[in-house]
Amino acid sequence: MLSRKTLAASVVLGFAAAGLSSAGASAQEGEAIIIGTTNQLSGHTATVGRPFVAGANTFISMVNDQGGVKGRKIRFIAMDDQGNPDTGIANLRQLLAQKALVIFQPVSSAVAAPMLPILAENNALMVSYTGVEAMYSNPNYFAVGLDTTTTLGIVANYIKSVAKGNPKVSFLNVDTPASIGARDAAIATMKKIGWEIGELQTYPPTVTDFSPQIAKLAASRPDYIVGTVVDGFLPQVMMGIRRSGIRAPLVNFQAGNAESSFKTLATDQFLAVRDFLDPVEKDPAIEAMRKVAEKYGAAAEMTSNTFTKGWVTAAVTIEALQKCEPGCTQATLKQALIGLDYDPQGLGPRIAFTETKRVGAQSGRIYKWDAEKKAAVPITDFIQALQ
């Protein structure tokens, strides 16, 4: 029997299939392949967690209706941790006790990082929608999308392609190990090619006022600002940038690229990296995904490209399951993932894992607001990080 918290998550998201109801779970208990996730289905990061879980559940529901993986249905258990690391650990233990074959990483790295000892203790596989550098010590970790270090390398490559001479680059970063580590790696690359590094400003995840950081950025008079600013803070940051007279564009990372942010800001002074398509983009691959989402009642959760990442994360995992079934174990699934080379059918870059490369996507596109089209549009092809 699933916990009240798990059942509450299924009600909140309106999931139709994939074993989230108690009836579905009991009907498939003996044969189902269990995939679990503890995620942010409520709380301040639910705007990221809900679309991810909904995207994964939609793909899994489709596969189940098509007969499952070589005749075995998939039971997808999504539990709400509200962004609380202690709750996340408790949920993870419960998922492992229910014999989950693979865990989808929570969207919050602050929740994911404390899970490392438990994952190692249980030799458990984790597949993430985006790379989190703090997790790379886990030999059973795989990431579908870009990590922050690669993303800022892509930003640097873009700036190199458009800058005149050696630009002055300042930074505005959330004060987390992954963000600061990625910033420092980007700075090292920029210094090697003679760029000037301006102001290095950080903000706590619970910031309420960006005025001090923006004042120092303005004083440094940069040509570009490289940011790791999540969507919820972007209106405040861009308003401050405009009021301070900064003319430099803010080029942002992959966790601050929602279409709603572009639409709210409506300025060509804001750019961001996307590895996977946003559901609002007019593309045949998106329309095909939307039809499936509508069938399973998940279209309302298609609010950002995190939905796409959830879909692709599930697709990559199931592709590996198809290779290692029948009788798939954690060990054989790991080997299937290591040899995987997956084409996401137009939704993003190719995803390939090897024994030494556990982050699948290695490229992304830069997006910018188009006032005429009233949408964010890519202004580059898929580009890789500047080395």
Protein backbone atom coordinates (compact mmCIF):
# COMPACT_ATOMS: atom_id res chain seq x y z
CA MET A 1 0.00 0.00 0.00
CA LEU A 2 1.39 3.41 -0.97
CA SER A 3 1.84 6.09 1.65
CA ARG A 4 -0.58 9.00 1.95
CA LYS A 5 2.18 11.29 0.74
CA THR A 6 2.56 9.28 -2.49
CA LEU A 7 -1.19 9.14 -3.02
CA ALA A 8 -1.41 12.88 -2.36
CA ALA A 9 1.18 13.45 -5.07
CA SER A 10 -0.89 11.46 -7.55
CA VAL A 11 -3.96 13.55 -6.74
CA VAL A 12 -2.07 16.86 -6.97
CA LEU A 13 -0.68 16.02 -10.40
CA GLY A 14 -3.76 14.28 -11.73
CA PHE A 15 -1.78 11.30 -13.01
CA ALA A 16 -3.77 8.77 -14.97
CA ALA A 17 -1.65 5.63 -15.08
CA ALA A 18 1.79 4.16 -14.32
CA GLY A 19 0.84 2.61 -11.00
CA LEU A 20 0.40 5.67 -8.86
CA SER A 21 -3.01 4.57 -7.61
CA SER A 22 -3.25 1.84 -5.02
CA ALA A 23 -5.46 -0.27 -7.30
CA GLY A 24 -2.98 -0.13 -10.16
CA ALA A 25 -0.12 -1.02 -7.83
CA SER A 26 -1.75 -4.14 -6.43
CA ALA A 27 -2.72 -5.38 -9.90
CA GLN A 28 0.89 -5.26 -11.09
CA GLU A 29 2.72 -5.91 -7.85
CA GLY A 30 4.36 -9.18 -8.89
CA GLU A 31 5.69 -8.23 -12.30
CA ALA A 32 5.99 -4.47 -12.43
CA ILE A 33 9.32 -2.73 -12.91
CA ILE A 34 9.41 -0.02 -10.24
CA ILE A 35 10.81 3.41 -11.02
CA GLY A 36 10.70 5.88 -8.15
CA THR A 37 11.33 9.52 -7.47
CA THR A 38 11.16 11.82 -4.49
CA ASN A 39 10.60 15.29 -5.84
CA GLN A 40 9.33 18.78 -5.27
CA LEU A 41 5.61 18.45 -5.97
CA SER A 42 4.80 21.30 -3.58
CA GLY A 43 6.83 24.16 -2.15
CA HIS A 44 8.95 26.85 -3.82
CA THR A 45 10.58 24.52 -6.40
CA ALA A 46 7.35 22.74 -7.37
CA THR A 47 7.31 24.81 -10.57
CA VAL A 48 10.25 22.65 -11.63
CA GLY A 49 9.43 19.39 -9.85
CA ARG A 50 5.82 19.02 -11.00
CA PRO A 51 6.52 19.38 -14.75
CA PHE A 52 9.44 16.95 -14.51
CA VAL A 53 7.37 14.27 -12.78
CA ALA A 54 4.43 14.88 -15.11
CA GLY A 55 6.65 14.52 -18.19
CA ALA A 56 8.16 11.27 -16.94
CA ASN A 57 4.75 9.91 -15.95
CA THR A 58 3.27 10.78 -19.35
CA PHE A 59 5.92 8.81 -21.23
CA ILE A 60 5.65 5.88 -18.83
CA SER A 61 1.85 5.86 -19.15
CA MET A 62 2.18 5.67 -22.93
CA VAL A 63 4.64 2.77 -22.70
CA ASN A 64 2.38 0.90 -20.28
CA ASP A 65 -0.58 1.28 -22.64
CA GLN A 66 1.59 -0.15 -25.41
CA GLY A 67 2.29 -3.27 -23.35
CA GLY A 68 5.14 -2.14 -21.13
CA VAL A 69 8.74 -3.29 -21.45
CA LYS A 70 8.72 -6.73 -23.04
CA GLY A 71 5.43 -7.48 -21.33
CA ARG A 72 6.29 -5.98 -17.94
CA LYS A 73 4.39 -2.88 -16.86
CA ILE A 74 6.17 0.00 -15.14
CA ARG A 75 5.01 1.23 -11.76
CA PHE A 76 6.06 4.84 -11.31
CA ILE A 77 6.03 6.06 -7.71
CA ALA A 78 6.34 9.83 -7.21
CA MET A 79 6.66 11.10 -3.64
CA ASP A 80 6.61 14.71 -2.47
CA ASP A 81 9.53 15.97 -0.39
CA GLN A 82 8.61 19.70 -0.61
CA GLY A 83 12.29 20.50 -1.11
CA ASN A 84 13.19 19.20 2.35
CA PRO A 85 16.37 17.05 2.34
CA ASP A 86 15.30 15.02 5.40
CA THR A 87 11.97 14.19 3.78
CA GLY A 88 13.79 13.33 0.57
CA ILE A 89 16.01 10.84 2.39
CA ALA A 90 13.01 9.25 4.13
CA ASN A 91 11.21 8.97 0.79
CA LEU A 92 14.29 7.47 -0.87
CA ARG A 93 14.53 4.79 1.82
CA GLN A 94 10.87 3.95 1.28
CA LEU A 95 11.33 3.71 -2.49
CA LEU A 96 14.32 1.41 -2.10
CA ALA A 97 12.37 -0.71 0.39
CA GLN A 98 9.75 -1.11 -2.34
CA LYS A 99 12.48 -2.48 -4.64
CA ALA A 100 12.71 0.45 -7.03
CA LEU A 101 15.08 -0.60 -9.82
CA VAL A 102 16.06 2.98 -10.61
CA ILE A 103 15.54 6.38 -8.96
CA PHE A 104 14.91 9.61 -10.86
CA GLN A 105 16.83 12.38 -9.13
CA PRO A 106 14.87 15.20 -7.47
CA VAL A 107 15.15 18.53 -9.26
CA SER A 108 16.69 20.16 -6.18
CA SER A 109 20.40 19.41 -5.84
CA ALA A 110 20.12 20.34 -2.15
CA VAL A 111 17.77 17.38 -1.72
CA ALA A 112 19.76 15.08 -4.00
CA ALA A 113 23.27 15.53 -2.59
CA PRO A 114 22.55 14.06 0.90
CA MET A 115 21.27 10.92 -0.82
CA LEU A 116 24.75 9.87 -1.97
CA PRO A 117 25.58 7.62 1.04
CA ILE A 118 22.22 5.83 0.82
CA LEU A 119 22.55 5.31 -2.92
CA ALA A 120 26.05 3.90 -2.44
CA GLU A 121 24.94 1.69 0.44
CA ASN A 122 22.21 0.16 -1.74
CA ASN A 123 24.19 0.20 -5.01
CA ALA A 124 21.17 2.05 -6.40
CA LEU A 125 20.96 3.57 -9.87
CA MET A 126 19.98 7.22 -10.21
CA VAL A 127 19.06 8.95 -13.47
CA SER A 128 18.85 12.75 -13.42
CA TYR A 129 17.19 15.25 -15.74
CA THR A 130 20.28 17.47 -15.48
CA GLY A 131 23.84 16.93 -14.36
CA VAL A 132 24.70 17.82 -10.76
CA GLU A 133 28.43 17.94 -10.19
CA ALA A 134 28.15 16.94 -6.52
CA MET A 135 26.68 13.59 -7.58
CA TYR A 136 29.51 12.52 -9.88
CA SER A 137 31.28 10.54 -7.16
CA ASN A 138 28.45 8.00 -7.41
CA PRO A 139 29.44 5.36 -10.00
CA ASN A 140 25.75 4.55 -10.52
CA TYR A 141 24.76 8.10 -11.50
CA PHE A 142 23.62 9.12 -14.99
CA ALA A 143 22.44 12.57 -16.14
CA VAL A 144 20.39 13.14 -19.25
CA GLY A 145 20.72 16.93 -19.54
CA LEU A 146 23.45 19.52 -19.22
CA ASP A 147 25.20 20.26 -15.96
CA THR A 148 25.92 23.84 -14.90
CA THR A 149 29.63 23.64 -15.73
CA THR A 150 28.93 22.62 -19.32
CA THR A 151 26.14 25.20 -19.58
CA LEU A 152 28.40 28.10 -18.58
CA GLY A 153 30.98 26.74 -21.03
CA ILE A 154 28.30 27.00 -23.74
CA VAL A 155 27.62 30.59 -22.62
CA ALA A 156 31.33 31.35 -22.94
CA ASN A 157 31.38 29.85 -26.44
CA TYR A 158 28.43 32.02 -27.43
CA ILE A 159 30.06 35.18 -26.06
CA LYS A 160 33.25 34.32 -27.95
CA SER A 161 31.24 34.12 -31.19
CA VAL A 162 29.66 37.58 -30.83
CA ALA A 163 32.05 39.67 -28.71
CA LYS A 164 34.32 42.27 -30.23
CA GLY A 165 37.82 41.91 -28.87
CA ASN A 166 38.32 40.63 -25.34
CA PRO A 167 35.12 41.30 -23.36
CA LYS A 168 34.77 42.11 -19.68
CA VAL A 169 32.55 39.49 -18.05
CA SER A 170 30.90 39.73 -14.63
CA PHE A 171 28.99 36.98 -12.82
CA LEU A 172 25.82 36.71 -10.75
CA ASN A 173 25.51 33.25 -9.23
CA VAL A 174 23.43 31.45 -6.65
CA ASP A 175 25.68 30.53 -3.72
CA THR A 176 25.75 26.74 -4.10
CA PRO A 177 28.77 24.48 -4.66
CA ALA A 178 27.63 23.49 -8.17
CA SER A 179 27.06 27.08 -9.25
CA ILE A 180 30.31 28.44 -7.81
CA GLY A 181 32.30 25.51 -9.19
CA ALA A 182 30.82 26.08 -12.65
CA ARG A 183 31.55 29.81 -12.42
CA ASP A 184 35.18 29.19 -11.48
CA ALA A 185 35.60 26.73 -14.36
CA ALA A 186 34.19 29.30 -16.79
CA ILE A 187 36.47 32.00 -15.40
CA ALA A 188 39.52 29.77 -15.87
CA THR A 189 38.58 29.20 -19.52
CA MET A 190 37.95 32.91 -20.11
CA LYS A 191 41.22 33.97 -18.53
CA LYS A 192 43.14 31.57 -20.78
CA ILE A 193 41.95 33.47 -23.85
CA GLY A 194 42.62 36.90 -22.39
CA TRP A 195 39.18 38.05 -21.25
CA GLU A 196 38.81 40.48 -18.38
CA ILE A 197 36.85 39.19 -15.38
CA GLY A 198 34.75 41.80 -13.64
CA GLU A 199 32.62 41.60 -10.50
CA LEU A 200 31.82 38.18 -8.96
CA GLN A 201 28.50 38.45 -7.15
CA THR A 202 26.63 35.67 -5.36
CA TYR A 203 23.22 35.46 -3.72
CA PRO A 204 21.77 33.01 -1.18
CA PRO A 205 18.96 30.68 -2.36
CA THR A 206 16.59 32.51 0.00
CA VAL A 207 17.52 36.03 -1.17
CA THR A 208 14.88 38.76 -0.95
CA ASP A 209 16.85 41.76 -2.23
CA PHE A 210 19.36 41.87 -5.10
CA SER A 211 20.15 45.58 -4.73
CA PRO A 212 23.68 45.14 -3.25
CA GLN A 213 24.72 42.65 -5.94
CA ILE A 214 23.32 44.71 -8.80
CA ALA A 215 24.96 47.90 -7.54
CA LYS A 216 28.37 46.24 -7.62
CA LEU A 217 27.69 44.74 -11.06
CA ALA A 218 26.76 48.21 -12.35
CA ALA A 219 29.98 49.70 -10.94
CA SER A 220 32.06 47.10 -12.78
CA ARG A 221 30.63 48.18 -16.19
CA PRO A 222 30.73 44.70 -17.77
CA ASP A 223 30.15 43.80 -21.42
CA TYR A 224 28.32 40.62 -20.38
CA ILE A 225 26.85 39.20 -17.19
CA VAL A 226 26.85 35.41 -16.86
CA GLY A 227 24.17 34.21 -14.50
CA THR A 228 22.83 31.22 -12.61
CA VAL A 229 19.55 32.90 -11.71
CA VAL A 230 16.50 30.67 -11.33
CA ASP A 231 13.25 31.71 -13.01
CA GLY A 232 11.54 32.94 -9.85
CA PHE A 233 14.19 35.62 -9.28
CA LEU A 234 14.58 36.81 -12.87
CA PRO A 235 11.96 39.60 -12.85
CA GLN A 236 13.55 41.18 -9.76
CA VAL A 237 17.07 40.84 -11.18
CA MET A 238 16.25 42.24 -14.61
CA MET A 239 14.28 45.14 -13.12
CA GLY A 240 17.31 45.99 -11.00
CA ILE A 241 19.64 45.72 -13.99
CA ARG A 242 17.50 48.12 -16.01
CA ARG A 243 17.14 50.64 -13.17
CA SER A 244 20.88 50.62 -12.52
CA GLY A 245 21.64 51.53 -16.11
CA ILE A 246 23.47 48.30 -16.96
CA ARG A 247 23.44 47.76 -20.71
CA ALA A 248 25.19 44.40 -20.70
CA PRO A 249 23.03 41.37 -21.47
CA LEU A 250 22.44 38.71 -18.82
CA VAL A 251 23.20 35.30 -20.33
CA ASN A 252 21.65 32.73 -18.03
CA PHE A 253 22.02 29.01 -17.31
CA GLN A 254 19.69 26.11 -18.07
CA ALA A 255 17.57 26.33 -14.88
CA GLY A 256 16.41 29.86 -15.63
CA ASN A 257 15.05 29.63 -19.16
CA ALA A 258 11.27 29.19 -18.83
CA GLU A 259 9.13 30.67 -21.58
CA SER A 260 7.12 32.47 -18.90
CA SER A 261 10.32 34.28 -17.85
CA PHE A 262 11.09 35.37 -21.39
CA LYS A 263 7.51 36.57 -21.82
CA THR A 264 7.46 38.48 -18.53
CA LEU A 265 10.81 40.15 -19.19
CA ALA A 266 10.14 40.76 -22.92
CA THR A 267 13.64 42.12 -23.49
CA ASP A 268 16.56 41.30 -25.74
CA GLN A 269 18.84 42.02 -22.76
CA PHE A 270 18.09 38.54 -21.39
CA LEU A 271 19.35 35.32 -23.00
CA ALA A 272 19.43 31.74 -21.71
CA VAL A 273 20.63 28.26 -22.58
CA ARG A 274 18.21 25.44 -23.36
CA ASP A 275 19.25 21.86 -24.00
CA PHE A 276 15.71 20.52 -24.57
CA LEU A 277 12.77 22.21 -26.27
CA ASP A 278 10.19 24.13 -24.28
CA PRO A 279 6.60 22.90 -24.70
CA VAL A 280 5.52 26.29 -26.14
CA GLU A 281 7.88 25.99 -29.10
CA LYS A 282 6.19 25.36 -32.42
CA ASP A 283 7.85 22.14 -33.41
CA PRO A 284 6.54 18.77 -34.66
CA ALA A 285 8.31 16.95 -31.82
CA ILE A 286 6.58 19.15 -29.24
CA GLU A 287 3.18 18.70 -30.90
CA ALA A 288 3.60 14.91 -30.84
CA MET A 289 4.48 15.03 -27.13
CA ARG A 290 1.53 17.36 -26.43
CA LYS A 291 -0.96 14.93 -27.96
CA VAL A 292 0.23 12.22 -25.59
CA ALA A 293 0.13 14.62 -22.63
CA GLU A 294 -3.46 15.56 -23.49
CA LYS A 295 -4.43 11.90 -23.61
CA TYR A 296 -3.17 11.36 -20.06
CA GLY A 297 -4.39 14.64 -18.60
CA ALA A 298 -0.95 16.19 -18.21
CA ALA A 299 -1.07 19.05 -20.73
CA ALA A 300 -1.58 21.63 -17.97
CA GLU A 301 1.84 20.68 -16.54
CA MET A 302 3.64 21.51 -19.80
CA THR A 303 4.85 24.80 -18.33
CA SER A 304 8.59 24.60 -19.02
CA ASN A 305 11.18 22.44 -20.71
CA THR A 306 11.44 20.53 -17.43
CA PHE A 307 8.39 18.62 -18.69
CA THR A 308 10.39 17.71 -21.80
CA LYS A 309 13.31 16.66 -19.61
CA GLY A 310 11.02 14.40 -17.57
CA TRP A 311 9.74 12.81 -20.78
CA VAL A 312 13.28 12.28 -22.13
CA THR A 313 14.59 10.99 -18.78
CA ALA A 314 11.88 8.33 -18.81
CA ALA A 315 12.49 7.58 -22.49
CA VAL A 316 16.24 7.08 -21.95
CA THR A 317 15.63 4.81 -18.95
CA ILE A 318 13.07 2.71 -20.79
CA GLU A 319 15.35 2.43 -23.82
CA ALA A 320 17.95 0.90 -21.49
CA LEU A 321 15.32 -1.35 -19.89
CA GLN A 322 14.37 -2.65 -23.32
CA LYS A 323 17.99 -3.70 -23.82
CA CYS A 324 18.43 -5.47 -20.49
CA GLU A 325 15.05 -7.20 -20.19
CA PRO A 326 14.06 -9.93 -19.50
CA GLY A 327 15.40 -10.29 -16.00
CA CYS A 328 16.83 -6.79 -15.72
CA THR A 329 18.85 -6.08 -12.57
CA GLN A 330 20.61 -2.97 -11.33
CA ALA A 331 23.90 -4.32 -12.70
CA THR A 332 22.55 -5.15 -16.17
CA LEU A 333 20.60 -1.89 -16.37
CA LYS A 334 23.77 0.02 -15.55
CA GLN A 335 25.58 -1.68 -18.41
CA ALA A 336 22.69 -0.96 -20.75
CA LEU A 337 22.86 2.74 -19.81
CA ILE A 338 26.63 2.85 -20.29
CA GLY A 339 26.28 1.69 -23.88
CA LEU A 340 23.28 3.89 -24.68
CA ASP A 341 23.20 6.29 -27.62
CA TYR A 342 19.72 7.81 -27.73
CA ASP A 343 18.10 10.15 -30.26
CA PRO A 344 15.37 12.20 -28.52
CA GLN A 345 13.49 12.60 -31.80
CA GLY A 346 13.89 16.34 -32.21
CA LEU A 347 13.32 17.26 -28.55
CA GLY A 348 17.00 18.00 -27.85
CA PRO A 349 20.59 16.92 -28.46
CA ARG A 350 21.67 13.31 -28.76
CA ILE A 351 22.26 11.55 -25.44
CA ALA A 352 25.14 9.10 -25.11
CA PHE A 353 26.77 7.51 -22.07
CA THR A 354 30.07 5.69 -21.74
CA GLU A 355 31.98 4.20 -18.84
CA THR A 356 33.64 7.56 -18.22
CA LYS A 357 31.00 9.98 -19.56
CA ARG A 358 27.83 9.97 -17.46
CA VAL A 359 26.31 13.27 -18.65
CA GLY A 360 24.45 12.50 -21.85
CA ALA A 361 23.81 15.91 -23.44
CA GLN A 362 26.87 17.95 -24.33
CA SER A 363 25.37 20.84 -26.28
CA GLY A 364 22.67 23.48 -26.05
CA ARG A 365 21.25 26.50 -27.85
CA ILE A 366 21.09 30.15 -26.83
CA TYR A 367 17.58 31.62 -26.77
CA LYS A 368 16.45 35.23 -26.98
CA TRP A 369 13.09 37.00 -26.88
CA ASP A 370 11.62 37.80 -30.32
CA ALA A 371 9.18 40.72 -29.95
CA GLU A 372 7.58 40.08 -33.32
CA LYS A 373 6.93 36.40 -32.69
CA LYS A 374 6.24 37.05 -29.00
CA ALA A 375 8.28 34.01 -28.08
CA ALA A 376 11.80 32.97 -27.17
CA VAL A 377 13.64 31.71 -30.23
CA PRO A 378 17.03 30.03 -30.67
CA ILE A 379 19.69 32.35 -32.04
CA THR A 380 22.35 29.63 -32.34
CA ASP A 381 22.53 26.04 -33.44
CA PHE A 382 23.43 23.43 -30.80
CA ILE A 383 26.87 24.46 -29.58
CA GLN A 384 29.28 22.84 -27.14
CA ALA A 385 31.22 24.30 -24.26
CA LEU A 386 34.26 26.45 -24.89
CA GLN A 387 37.35 24.47 -23.96
